[in-house]
Amino acid sequence: MANYEPEEEETVSAASIKKGLKDLIDDLKQSQGDSAARERQYYQQEYNVITDIENRIKLLKNTLKEQQSQLELKLSLKRVGDEEFKAETIELLEQVQNQLMGLNASKKEEKAKINALNKDKKALEIKLSYPEGLLTEIGGQLRDEEAKKLILKKLYDWVSEQLNRYLNGEKRGLVAKVENLWDKYAVSSQEMEAQREQTLGQLNEFLVKLGYRE
């Protein structure tokens, strides 16, 4: 598909490439001969590779979504504890159910809202069905003393990061100034030796003129 040419204003995507491959495969099915069969097999392999990659991406996205949901659940349990978490979730679930009762599924304009609320309801029901012992597994509810330590650590890390950033900026500025001075005033050893020889020569001339040296 290296020579695939998208139509005008068409965005090249996996779906458009797969469609192009499928069209080629279908066309080649009508052709006879070994060459057509080999070409069809090649395009089919390309099609399968893209499909496999899409499936892996979908699986990874689902796994990530599940892990994010688990993390949010654990953070909520850690923050408020088991009883308050259940009470909050049940209250939200009741709100969703009350909204659903006020909607009519036969009305087209309300279907989208009903679908969204049903998704929220399912998510809340899943949150309530977390396994027993999960709170113990994550170390119990966060206590005030632990919260204070975490806040202080967060503050320390932030201050330390800002201080290091400032110091690194100052160091870079100082190094740049030193390099600038070096470029401006640095003299090579050969130049220093030449200047020394020139100075000695001038001194010898003065000494000869003064009669101190022949």
C-alpha atoms as a PDB file:
ATOM      1  CA  MET A   1       0.000   0.000   0.000  1.00  0.00           C
ATOM      2  CA  ALA A   2       3.005   2.307  -0.344  1.00  0.00           C
ATOM      3  CA  ASN A   3       1.399   3.725  -3.505  1.00  0.00           C
ATOM      4  CA  TYR A   4      -2.005   4.254  -1.857  1.00  0.00           C
ATOM      5  CA  GLU A   5      -3.442   7.579  -2.970  1.00  0.00           C
ATOM      6  CA  PRO A   6      -6.197   8.992  -0.715  1.00  0.00           C
ATOM      7  CA  GLU A   7      -9.126  10.742  -2.325  1.00  0.00           C
ATOM      8  CA  GLU A   8      -9.366  14.518  -2.151  1.00  0.00           C
ATOM      9  CA  GLU A   9      -9.927  15.764   1.434  1.00  0.00           C
ATOM     10  CA  GLU A  10      -9.697  12.157   2.693  1.00  0.00           C
ATOM     11  CA  THR A  11      -7.763  11.620   5.925  1.00  0.00           C
ATOM     12  CA  VAL A  12      -5.368   8.689   5.739  1.00  0.00           C
ATOM     13  CA  SER A  13      -6.192   6.315   8.580  1.00  0.00           C
ATOM     14  CA  ALA A  14      -6.070   2.625   9.376  1.00  0.00           C
ATOM     15  CA  ALA A  15      -9.702   2.347   8.302  1.00  0.00           C
ATOM     16  CA  SER A  16      -9.083   3.983   4.921  1.00  0.00           C
ATOM     17  CA  ILE A  17      -6.009   1.813   4.281  1.00  0.00           C
ATOM     18  CA  LYS A  18      -7.944  -1.327   5.227  1.00  0.00           C
ATOM     19  CA  LYS A  19     -10.721  -0.300   2.866  1.00  0.00           C
ATOM     20  CA  GLY A  20      -8.194   0.193   0.067  1.00  0.00           C
ATOM     21  CA  LEU A  21      -6.637  -3.204   0.796  1.00  0.00           C
ATOM     22  CA  LYS A  22     -10.036  -4.915   0.841  1.00  0.00           C
ATOM     23  CA  ASP A  23     -10.958  -3.352  -2.495  1.00  0.00           C
ATOM     24  CA  LEU A  24      -7.687  -4.648  -3.974  1.00  0.00           C
ATOM     25  CA  ILE A  25      -8.257  -8.103  -2.514  1.00  0.00           C
ATOM     26  CA  ASP A  26     -11.812  -8.244  -3.888  1.00  0.00           C
ATOM     27  CA  ASP A  27     -10.616  -7.131  -7.325  1.00  0.00           C
ATOM     28  CA  LEU A  28      -7.864  -9.753  -7.373  1.00  0.00           C
ATOM     29  CA  LYS A  29     -10.343 -12.493  -6.484  1.00  0.00           C
ATOM     30  CA  GLN A  30     -11.741 -12.014  -9.968  1.00  0.00           C
ATOM     31  CA  SER A  31      -8.300 -12.522 -11.533  1.00  0.00           C
ATOM     32  CA  GLN A  32      -6.749 -15.845 -12.415  1.00  0.00           C
ATOM     33  CA  GLY A  33      -3.147 -16.981 -12.305  1.00  0.00           C
ATOM     34  CA  ASP A  34      -0.347 -17.411  -9.789  1.00  0.00           C
ATOM     35  CA  SER A  35       0.713 -13.761  -9.934  1.00  0.00           C
ATOM     36  CA  ALA A  36      -2.752 -12.551  -8.923  1.00  0.00           C
ATOM     37  CA  ALA A  37      -2.910 -15.156  -6.158  1.00  0.00           C
ATOM     38  CA  ARG A  38       0.448 -14.071  -4.745  1.00  0.00           C
ATOM     39  CA  GLU A  39      -0.530 -10.418  -4.887  1.00  0.00           C
ATOM     40  CA  ARG A  40      -3.860 -11.148  -3.215  1.00  0.00           C
ATOM     41  CA  GLN A  41      -2.075 -13.100  -0.471  1.00  0.00           C
ATOM     42  CA  TYR A  42       0.338 -10.218   0.094  1.00  0.00           C
ATOM     43  CA  TYR A  43      -2.486  -7.687   0.472  1.00  0.00           C
ATOM     44  CA  GLN A  44      -4.371 -10.066   2.752  1.00  0.00           C
ATOM     45  CA  GLN A  45      -1.328 -10.352   5.012  1.00  0.00           C
ATOM     46  CA  GLU A  46      -1.063  -6.555   5.153  1.00  0.00           C
ATOM     47  CA  TYR A  47      -4.758  -6.360   6.011  1.00  0.00           C
ATOM     48  CA  ASN A  48      -4.345  -8.931   8.793  1.00  0.00           C
ATOM     49  CA  VAL A  49      -1.346  -7.096  10.270  1.00  0.00           C
ATOM     50  CA  ILE A  50      -3.335  -3.859  10.544  1.00  0.00           C
ATOM     51  CA  THR A  51      -6.281  -5.720  12.094  1.00  0.00           C
ATOM     52  CA  ASP A  52      -4.004  -7.382  14.661  1.00  0.00           C
ATOM     53  CA  ILE A  53      -2.480  -4.018  15.608  1.00  0.00           C
ATOM     54  CA  GLU A  54      -5.948  -2.482  15.968  1.00  0.00           C
ATOM     55  CA  ASN A  55      -7.014  -5.355  18.237  1.00  0.00           C
ATOM     56  CA  ARG A  56      -3.919  -4.936  20.416  1.00  0.00           C
ATOM     57  CA  ILE A  57      -4.511  -1.187  20.688  1.00  0.00           C
ATOM     58  CA  LYS A  58      -8.139  -1.798  21.659  1.00  0.00           C
ATOM     59  CA  LEU A  59      -7.074  -4.340  24.288  1.00  0.00           C
ATOM     60  CA  LEU A  60      -4.472  -1.959  25.720  1.00  0.00           C
ATOM     61  CA  LYS A  61      -7.004   0.889  25.859  1.00  0.00           C
ATOM     62  CA  ASN A  62      -9.488  -1.314  27.706  1.00  0.00           C
ATOM     63  CA  THR A  63      -6.781  -2.454  30.125  1.00  0.00           C
ATOM     64  CA  LEU A  64      -5.718   1.144  30.747  1.00  0.00           C
ATOM     65  CA  LYS A  65      -9.327   2.186  31.327  1.00  0.00           C
ATOM     66  CA  GLU A  66      -9.835  -0.619  33.852  1.00  0.00           C
ATOM     67  CA  GLN A  67      -6.614   0.245  35.674  1.00  0.00           C
ATOM     68  CA  GLN A  68      -7.572   3.930  35.821  1.00  0.00           C
ATOM     69  CA  SER A  69     -10.969   2.983  37.262  1.00  0.00           C
ATOM     70  CA  GLN A  70      -9.285   0.785  39.862  1.00  0.00           C
ATOM     71  CA  LEU A  71      -6.899   3.580  40.782  1.00  0.00           C
ATOM     72  CA  GLU A  72      -9.752   6.085  41.176  1.00  0.00           C
ATOM     73  CA  LEU A  73     -11.631   3.575  43.327  1.00  0.00           C
ATOM     74  CA  LYS A  74      -8.631   2.951  45.587  1.00  0.00           C
ATOM     75  CA  LEU A  75      -7.911   6.669  45.920  1.00  0.00           C
ATOM     76  CA  SER A  76     -11.520   7.376  46.891  1.00  0.00           C
ATOM     77  CA  LEU A  77     -11.514   4.548  49.453  1.00  0.00           C
ATOM     78  CA  LYS A  78      -8.194   5.731  50.836  1.00  0.00           C
ATOM     79  CA  ARG A  79      -9.460   9.300  51.123  1.00  0.00           C
ATOM     80  CA  VAL A  80     -12.913   8.842  52.735  1.00  0.00           C
ATOM     81  CA  GLY A  81     -13.026   5.257  53.970  1.00  0.00           C
ATOM     82  CA  ASP A  82     -15.396   2.394  53.253  1.00  0.00           C
ATOM     83  CA  GLU A  83     -18.655   3.670  54.757  1.00  0.00           C
ATOM     84  CA  GLU A  84     -18.490   7.214  53.429  1.00  0.00           C
ATOM     85  CA  PHE A  85     -17.449   5.966  50.000  1.00  0.00           C
ATOM     86  CA  LYS A  86     -20.477   3.656  49.820  1.00  0.00           C
ATOM     87  CA  ALA A  87     -22.789   6.420  51.078  1.00  0.00           C
ATOM     88  CA  GLU A  88     -21.499   8.887  48.463  1.00  0.00           C
ATOM     89  CA  THR A  89     -21.780   6.321  45.661  1.00  0.00           C
ATOM     90  CA  ILE A  90     -25.309   5.280  46.678  1.00  0.00           C
ATOM     91  CA  GLU A  91     -26.384   8.934  46.774  1.00  0.00           C
ATOM     92  CA  LEU A  92     -25.012   9.481  43.253  1.00  0.00           C
ATOM     93  CA  LEU A  93     -26.731   6.293  42.078  1.00  0.00           C
ATOM     94  CA  GLU A  94     -30.060   7.510  43.451  1.00  0.00           C
ATOM     95  CA  GLN A  95     -29.613  10.835  41.656  1.00  0.00           C
ATOM     96  CA  VAL A  96     -29.017   9.031  38.360  1.00  0.00           C
ATOM     97  CA  GLN A  97     -32.052   6.790  38.885  1.00  0.00           C
ATOM     98  CA  ASN A  98     -34.249   9.798  39.670  1.00  0.00           C
ATOM     99  CA  GLN A  99     -33.101  11.500  36.468  1.00  0.00           C
ATOM    100  CA  LEU A 100     -33.845   8.356  34.468  1.00  0.00           C
ATOM    101  CA  MET A 101     -37.350   8.205  35.907  1.00  0.00           C
ATOM    102  CA  GLY A 102     -38.006  11.703  34.604  1.00  0.00           C
ATOM    103  CA  LEU A 103     -37.023  10.821  31.037  1.00  0.00           C
ATOM    104  CA  ASN A 104     -39.003   9.176  28.283  1.00  0.00           C
ATOM    105  CA  ALA A 105     -37.184   6.604  26.130  1.00  0.00           C
ATOM    106  CA  SER A 106     -39.734   7.056  23.351  1.00  0.00           C
ATOM    107  CA  LYS A 107     -38.626  10.641  22.835  1.00  0.00           C
ATOM    108  CA  LYS A 108     -35.774  10.794  20.375  1.00  0.00           C
ATOM    109  CA  GLU A 109     -34.229  13.925  21.900  1.00  0.00           C
ATOM    110  CA  GLU A 110     -33.943  12.200  25.294  1.00  0.00           C
ATOM    111  CA  LYS A 111     -32.379   8.932  24.146  1.00  0.00           C
ATOM    112  CA  ALA A 112     -28.809  10.262  24.175  1.00  0.00           C
ATOM    113  CA  LYS A 113     -29.212  11.498  27.760  1.00  0.00           C
ATOM    114  CA  ILE A 114     -30.736   8.189  28.811  1.00  0.00           C
ATOM    115  CA  ASN A 115     -27.812   6.270  27.306  1.00  0.00           C
ATOM    116  CA  ALA A 116     -25.307   8.531  29.081  1.00  0.00           C
ATOM    117  CA  LEU A 117     -27.124   8.142  32.407  1.00  0.00           C
ATOM    118  CA  ASN A 118     -27.271   4.360  31.994  1.00  0.00           C
ATOM    119  CA  LYS A 119     -23.495   4.331  31.497  1.00  0.00           C
ATOM    120  CA  ASP A 120     -23.074   6.398  34.659  1.00  0.00           C
ATOM    121  CA  LYS A 121     -25.399   4.025  36.509  1.00  0.00           C
ATOM    122  CA  LYS A 122     -23.418   0.984  35.398  1.00  0.00           C
ATOM    123  CA  ALA A 123     -20.132   2.635  36.427  1.00  0.00           C
ATOM    124  CA  LEU A 124     -21.523   3.465  39.895  1.00  0.00           C
ATOM    125  CA  GLU A 125     -22.840  -0.078  40.334  1.00  0.00           C
ATOM    126  CA  ILE A 126     -19.383  -1.428  39.452  1.00  0.00           C
ATOM    127  CA  LYS A 127     -17.830   0.888  42.041  1.00  0.00           C
ATOM    128  CA  LEU A 128     -20.150  -0.502  44.697  1.00  0.00           C
ATOM    129  CA  SER A 129     -19.223  -4.078  43.821  1.00  0.00           C
ATOM    130  CA  TYR A 130     -15.544  -3.754  44.754  1.00  0.00           C
ATOM    131  CA  PRO A 131     -14.142  -6.825  46.522  1.00  0.00           C
ATOM    132  CA  GLU A 132     -14.224  -7.165  50.283  1.00  0.00           C
ATOM    133  CA  GLY A 133     -10.922  -6.388  51.949  1.00  0.00           C
ATOM    134  CA  LEU A 134      -9.834  -3.894  49.307  1.00  0.00           C
ATOM    135  CA  LEU A 135      -9.573  -1.108  51.882  1.00  0.00           C
ATOM    136  CA  THR A 136      -7.341  -3.303  54.054  1.00  0.00           C
ATOM    137  CA  GLU A 137      -5.287  -4.221  50.985  1.00  0.00           C
ATOM    138  CA  ILE A 138      -4.447  -0.544  50.334  1.00  0.00           C
ATOM    139  CA  GLY A 139      -3.527   0.087  53.954  1.00  0.00           C
ATOM    140  CA  GLY A 140      -6.833   1.405  55.299  1.00  0.00           C
ATOM    141  CA  GLN A 141      -8.247   4.908  55.275  1.00  0.00           C
ATOM    142  CA  LEU A 142      -5.763   7.752  55.241  1.00  0.00           C
ATOM    143  CA  ARG A 143      -5.358   9.152  58.767  1.00  0.00           C
ATOM    144  CA  ASP A 144      -4.876  12.837  59.576  1.00  0.00           C
ATOM    145  CA  GLU A 145      -1.248  12.327  60.589  1.00  0.00           C
ATOM    146  CA  GLU A 146      -0.491  10.450  57.365  1.00  0.00           C
ATOM    147  CA  ALA A 147      -2.226  13.166  55.347  1.00  0.00           C
ATOM    148  CA  LYS A 148      -0.097  15.847  57.039  1.00  0.00           C
ATOM    149  CA  LYS A 149       3.100  13.937  56.222  1.00  0.00           C
ATOM    150  CA  LEU A 150       2.041  13.501  52.585  1.00  0.00           C
ATOM    151  CA  ILE A 151       1.188  17.199  52.269  1.00  0.00           C
ATOM    152  CA  LEU A 152       4.534  18.215  53.805  1.00  0.00           C
ATOM    153  CA  LYS A 153       6.401  15.796  51.517  1.00  0.00           C
ATOM    154  CA  LYS A 154       4.556  17.154  48.492  1.00  0.00           C
ATOM    155  CA  LEU A 155       5.380  20.705  49.556  1.00  0.00           C
ATOM    156  CA  TYR A 156       9.034  19.792  50.182  1.00  0.00           C
ATOM    157  CA  ASP A 157       9.326  18.086  46.773  1.00  0.00           C
ATOM    158  CA  TRP A 158       7.782  21.122  45.058  1.00  0.00           C
ATOM    159  CA  VAL A 159      10.059  23.609  46.851  1.00  0.00           C
ATOM    160  CA  SER A 160      13.091  21.406  46.162  1.00  0.00           C
ATOM    161  CA  GLU A 161      12.170  21.190  42.467  1.00  0.00           C
ATOM    162  CA  GLN A 162      11.747  24.970  42.197  1.00  0.00           C
ATOM    163  CA  LEU A 163      15.012  25.608  44.064  1.00  0.00           C
ATOM    164  CA  ASN A 164      16.953  23.185  41.854  1.00  0.00           C
ATOM    165  CA  ARG A 165      15.463  24.772  38.765  1.00  0.00           C
ATOM    166  CA  TYR A 166      16.517  28.221  39.990  1.00  0.00           C
ATOM    167  CA  LEU A 167      20.035  27.070  40.934  1.00  0.00           C
ATOM    168  CA  ASN A 168      20.508  25.283  37.612  1.00  0.00           C
ATOM    169  CA  GLY A 169      19.449  28.453  35.795  1.00  0.00           C
ATOM    170  CA  GLU A 170      21.931  30.514  37.821  1.00  0.00           C
ATOM    171  CA  LYS A 171      24.713  27.979  37.157  1.00  0.00           C
ATOM    172  CA  ARG A 172      24.019  28.043  33.433  1.00  0.00           C
ATOM    173  CA  GLY A 173      24.137  31.840  33.488  1.00  0.00           C
ATOM    174  CA  LEU A 174      27.430  31.859  35.431  1.00  0.00           C
ATOM    175  CA  VAL A 175      29.020  29.311  33.106  1.00  0.00           C
ATOM    176  CA  ALA A 176      27.938  31.373  30.088  1.00  0.00           C
ATOM    177  CA  LYS A 177      29.555  34.499  31.579  1.00  0.00           C
ATOM    178  CA  VAL A 178      32.820  32.647  32.349  1.00  0.00           C
ATOM    179  CA  GLU A 179      32.909  31.228  28.820  1.00  0.00           C
ATOM    180  CA  ASN A 180      32.327  34.714  27.433  1.00  0.00           C
ATOM    181  CA  LEU A 181      35.210  36.107  29.506  1.00  0.00           C
ATOM    182  CA  TRP A 182      37.433  33.227  28.423  1.00  0.00           C
ATOM    183  CA  ASP A 183      36.687  33.868  24.759  1.00  0.00           C
ATOM    184  CA  LYS A 184      37.384  37.559  25.281  1.00  0.00           C
ATOM    185  CA  TYR A 185      40.589  37.421  27.322  1.00  0.00           C
ATOM    186  CA  ALA A 186      42.087  33.978  26.835  1.00  0.00           C
ATOM    187  CA  VAL A 187      45.610  33.936  25.342  1.00  0.00           C
ATOM    188  CA  SER A 188      47.221  30.808  23.966  1.00  0.00           C
ATOM    189  CA  SER A 189      50.557  29.554  25.365  1.00  0.00           C
ATOM    190  CA  GLN A 190      52.203  30.224  21.982  1.00  0.00           C
ATOM    191  CA  GLU A 191      51.088  33.868  22.060  1.00  0.00           C
ATOM    192  CA  MET A 192      52.343  34.255  25.645  1.00  0.00           C
ATOM    193  CA  GLU A 193      55.721  32.781  24.710  1.00  0.00           C
ATOM    194  CA  ALA A 194      55.991  35.074  21.689  1.00  0.00           C
ATOM    195  CA  GLN A 195      55.157  38.115  23.830  1.00  0.00           C
ATOM    196  CA  ARG A 196      57.735  37.006  26.393  1.00  0.00           C
ATOM    197  CA  GLU A 197      60.453  36.680  23.716  1.00  0.00           C
ATOM    198  CA  GLN A 198      59.529  40.089  22.308  1.00  0.00           C
ATOM    199  CA  THR A 199      59.698  41.698  25.766  1.00  0.00           C
ATOM    200  CA  LEU A 200      63.081  40.076  26.514  1.00  0.00           C
ATOM    201  CA  GLY A 201      64.391  41.277  23.173  1.00  0.00           C
ATOM    202  CA  GLN A 202      63.317  44.868  23.878  1.00  0.00           C
ATOM    203  CA  LEU A 203      64.844  44.690  27.364  1.00  0.00           C
ATOM    204  CA  ASN A 204      68.171  43.445  25.948  1.00  0.00           C
ATOM    205  CA  GLU A 205      68.213  46.356  23.483  1.00  0.00           C
ATOM    206  CA  PHE A 206      67.720  48.839  26.326  1.00  0.00           C
ATOM    207  CA  LEU A 207      70.480  47.197  28.368  1.00  0.00           C
ATOM    208  CA  VAL A 208      72.889  47.348  25.408  1.00  0.00           C
ATOM    209  CA  LYS A 209      72.089  51.042  24.803  1.00  0.00           C
ATOM    210  CA  LEU A 210      72.666  51.782  28.468  1.00  0.00           C
ATOM    211  CA  GLY A 211      75.998  49.966  28.359  1.00  0.00           C
ATOM    212  CA  TYR A 212      75.046  47.249  30.729  1.00  0.00           C
ATOM    213  CA  ARG A 213      75.395  44.600  28.070  1.00  0.00           C
ATOM    214  CA  GLU A 214      77.489  44.307  24.966  1.00  0.00           C
END
